[in-house]
């Protein structure tokens, strides 16, 4: 296997894994209590969801395109 083939194979595997992880995150968020008034939501739920939002925002900021800099 050439270096280029290995790079492409590893990239494809990482890409697939990233898609799987985002699907798991989506499912995790869908499984959290909905703000519909039917579910009792406590401060621990608020804190957990805020923490999740902070970590997702950090991930997005870390991977932001460089051309956003003015």
N, C-alpha and C. Protein backbone atom coordinates (compact mmCIF):
# COMPACT_ATOMS: atom_id res chain seq x y z
N UNK A 1 0.84 -1.17 0.00
CA UNK A 1 0.00 0.00 0.00
C UNK A 1 0.89 1.24 0.00
N UNK A 2 0.61 2.15 -0.88
CA UNK A 2 1.40 3.38 -0.96
C UNK A 2 0.99 4.32 0.17
N UNK A 3 1.82 5.32 0.39
CA UNK A 3 1.54 6.31 1.41
C UNK A 3 0.22 7.03 1.11
N UNK A 4 -0.01 7.37 -0.14
CA UNK A 4 -1.24 8.05 -0.54
C UNK A 4 -2.46 7.17 -0.27
N UNK A 5 -2.36 5.88 -0.58
CA UNK A 5 -3.47 4.96 -0.34
C UNK A 5 -3.76 4.83 1.16
N UNK A 6 -2.69 4.79 1.94
CA UNK A 6 -2.89 4.68 3.39
C UNK A 6 -3.55 5.94 3.93
N UNK A 7 -3.11 7.10 3.47
CA UNK A 7 -3.72 8.37 3.89
C UNK A 7 -5.21 8.36 3.56
N UNK A 8 -5.54 7.97 2.34
CA UNK A 8 -6.95 7.96 1.92
C UNK A 8 -7.77 6.96 2.73
N UNK A 9 -7.20 5.79 3.02
CA UNK A 9 -7.89 4.78 3.82
C UNK A 9 -8.12 5.28 5.24
N UNK A 10 -7.10 5.86 5.84
CA UNK A 10 -7.22 6.38 7.20
C UNK A 10 -8.20 7.54 7.27
N UNK A 11 -8.17 8.42 6.27
CA UNK A 11 -9.09 9.55 6.23
C UNK A 11 -10.53 9.06 6.11
N UNK A 12 -10.76 8.09 5.24
CA UNK A 12 -12.11 7.54 5.06
C UNK A 12 -12.61 6.92 6.36
N UNK A 13 -11.75 6.21 7.07
CA UNK A 13 -12.14 5.60 8.35
C UNK A 13 -12.46 6.67 9.39
N UNK A 14 -11.64 7.71 9.46
CA UNK A 14 -11.87 8.79 10.41
C UNK A 14 -13.16 9.55 10.07
N UNK A 15 -13.40 9.74 8.79
CA UNK A 15 -14.62 10.43 8.35
C UNK A 15 -15.86 9.63 8.75
N UNK A 16 -15.83 8.34 8.52
CA UNK A 16 -16.94 7.47 8.91
C UNK A 16 -17.16 7.51 10.41
N UNK A 17 -16.08 7.47 11.17
CA UNK A 17 -16.18 7.51 12.62
C UNK A 17 -16.77 8.84 13.08
N UNK A 18 -16.36 9.94 12.49
CA UNK A 18 -16.89 11.26 12.85
C UNK A 18 -18.39 11.33 12.57
N UNK A 19 -18.84 10.79 11.46
CA UNK A 19 -20.27 10.77 11.14
C UNK A 19 -21.02 9.95 12.18
N UNK A 20 -20.47 8.80 12.56
CA UNK A 20 -21.11 7.95 13.56
C UNK A 20 -21.21 8.67 14.91
N UNK A 21 -20.16 9.39 15.29
CA UNK A 21 -20.18 10.13 16.55
C UNK A 21 -21.21 11.25 16.52
N UNK A 22 -21.33 11.96 15.40
CA UNK A 22 -22.32 13.03 15.33
C UNK A 22 -23.73 12.46 15.38
N UNK A 23 -23.93 11.29 14.81
CA UNK A 23 -25.24 10.64 14.90
C UNK A 23 -25.56 10.26 16.34
N UNK A 24 -24.55 9.80 17.08
CA UNK A 24 -24.76 9.47 18.49
C UNK A 24 -25.06 10.72 19.31
N UNK A 25 -24.39 11.83 19.00
CA UNK A 25 -24.67 13.09 19.69
C UNK A 25 -26.10 13.54 19.41
N UNK A 26 -26.50 13.45 18.16
CA UNK A 26 -27.87 13.82 17.78
C UNK A 26 -28.88 12.98 18.56
N UNK A 27 -28.65 11.68 18.66
CA UNK A 27 -29.56 10.81 19.40
C UNK A 27 -29.56 11.15 20.88
N UNK A 28 -28.39 11.44 21.43
CA UNK A 28 -28.29 11.81 22.83
C UNK A 28 -29.12 13.06 23.12
N UNK A 29 -29.03 14.06 22.23
CA UNK A 29 -29.79 15.29 22.41
C UNK A 29 -31.29 15.05 22.26
N UNK A 30 -31.67 14.19 21.35
CA UNK A 30 -33.09 13.87 21.18
C UNK A 30 -33.64 13.12 22.38
N UNK A 31 -32.77 12.41 23.10
CA UNK A 31 -33.19 11.65 24.27
C UNK A 31 -33.26 12.50 25.54
N UNK A 32 -32.76 13.73 25.49
CA UNK A 32 -32.87 14.59 26.67
C UNK A 32 -34.31 15.06 26.83
N UNK A 33 -34.69 15.44 28.05
CA UNK A 33 -36.06 15.90 28.25
C UNK A 33 -36.39 17.09 27.35
N UNK A 34 -37.53 17.03 26.70
CA UNK A 34 -37.95 18.11 25.82
C UNK A 34 -38.55 19.25 26.65
N UNK A 35 -38.33 20.49 26.22
CA UNK A 35 -38.92 21.63 26.95
C UNK A 35 -40.39 21.81 26.57
N UNK A 36 -41.20 20.81 26.89
CA UNK A 36 -42.60 20.83 26.47
C UNK A 36 -43.58 21.05 27.60
N UNK A 37 -43.07 21.20 28.84
CA UNK A 37 -43.93 21.39 29.98
C UNK A 37 -44.50 20.09 30.53
N UNK A 38 -44.29 18.98 29.83
CA UNK A 38 -44.81 17.69 30.28
C UNK A 38 -43.81 16.92 31.13
N UNK A 39 -42.53 17.30 31.02
CA UNK A 39 -41.46 16.61 31.73
C UNK A 39 -40.91 17.54 32.81
N UNK A 40 -40.67 16.98 33.99
CA UNK A 40 -40.06 17.78 35.05
C UNK A 40 -38.57 17.91 34.75
N UNK A 41 -38.14 19.14 34.59
CA UNK A 41 -36.74 19.42 34.29
C UNK A 41 -36.14 20.12 35.50
N UNK A 42 -34.98 19.63 35.94
CA UNK A 42 -34.31 20.22 37.10
C UNK A 42 -33.06 20.98 36.69
N UNK A 43 -32.46 21.63 37.69
CA UNK A 43 -31.26 22.40 37.42
C UNK A 43 -30.12 21.52 36.94
N UNK A 44 -30.10 20.26 37.36
CA UNK A 44 -29.06 19.36 36.88
C UNK A 44 -29.21 19.14 35.37
N UNK A 45 -30.45 19.07 34.88
CA UNK A 45 -30.68 18.94 33.44
C UNK A 45 -30.20 20.19 32.69
N UNK A 46 -30.47 21.36 33.27
CA UNK A 46 -30.02 22.62 32.67
C UNK A 46 -28.50 22.65 32.60
N UNK A 47 -27.86 22.29 33.71
CA UNK A 47 -26.40 22.31 33.74
C UNK A 47 -25.78 21.33 32.75
N UNK A 48 -26.34 20.13 32.68
CA UNK A 48 -25.82 19.13 31.76
C UNK A 48 -25.95 19.61 30.31
N UNK A 49 -27.10 20.15 29.96
CA UNK A 49 -27.31 20.61 28.59
C UNK A 49 -26.43 21.82 28.27
N UNK A 50 -26.28 22.73 29.22
CA UNK A 50 -25.38 23.88 29.00
C UNK A 50 -23.95 23.42 28.81
N UNK A 51 -23.52 22.44 29.61
CA UNK A 51 -22.17 21.90 29.47
C UNK A 51 -21.98 21.28 28.08
N UNK A 52 -22.98 20.55 27.63
CA UNK A 52 -22.94 19.96 26.28
C UNK A 52 -22.82 21.06 25.23
N UNK A 53 -23.60 22.12 25.39
CA UNK A 53 -23.55 23.23 24.43
C UNK A 53 -22.17 23.88 24.40
N UNK A 54 -21.57 24.07 25.57
CA UNK A 54 -20.23 24.67 25.64
C UNK A 54 -19.22 23.80 24.91
N UNK A 55 -19.27 22.50 25.13
CA UNK A 55 -18.31 21.60 24.48
C UNK A 55 -18.51 21.57 22.98
N UNK A 56 -19.77 21.58 22.53
CA UNK A 56 -20.04 21.60 21.09
C UNK A 56 -19.56 22.90 20.47
N UNK A 57 -19.79 24.03 21.17
CA UNK A 57 -19.33 25.32 20.67
C UNK A 57 -17.81 25.35 20.56
N UNK A 58 -17.12 24.81 21.57
CA UNK A 58 -15.65 24.74 21.52
C UNK A 58 -15.19 23.93 20.33
N UNK A 59 -15.87 22.84 20.07
CA UNK A 59 -15.51 22.00 18.92
C UNK A 59 -15.68 22.78 17.62
N UNK A 60 -16.78 23.50 17.51
CA UNK A 60 -17.02 24.28 16.29
C UNK A 60 -16.00 25.40 16.14
N UNK A 61 -15.64 26.04 17.23
CA UNK A 61 -14.65 27.13 17.16
C UNK A 61 -13.28 26.60 16.81
N UNK A 62 -12.94 25.43 17.31
CA UNK A 62 -11.64 24.81 17.02
C UNK A 62 -11.52 24.47 15.55
N UNK A 63 -12.64 24.13 14.91
CA UNK A 63 -12.61 23.72 13.53
C UNK A 63 -13.13 24.79 12.57
N UNK A 64 -13.22 26.02 13.04
CA UNK A 64 -13.69 27.11 12.18
C UNK A 64 -12.66 27.39 11.10
N UNK A 65 -13.14 27.73 9.90
CA UNK A 65 -12.20 28.06 8.81
C UNK A 65 -11.36 29.28 9.17
N UNK A 66 -10.13 29.27 8.73
CA UNK A 66 -9.21 30.36 9.00
C UNK A 66 -9.63 31.66 8.32
N UNK A 67 -10.39 31.58 7.23
CA UNK A 67 -10.72 32.80 6.49
C UNK A 67 -11.81 33.62 7.19
N UNK A 68 -12.28 33.21 8.37
CA UNK A 68 -13.23 34.01 9.14
C UNK A 68 -12.54 35.18 9.85
N UNK A 69 -11.21 35.16 9.89
CA UNK A 69 -10.46 36.22 10.55
C UNK A 69 -10.46 37.46 9.68
N UNK A 70 -10.82 38.60 10.30
CA UNK A 70 -10.88 39.87 9.52
C UNK A 70 -9.60 40.62 9.61
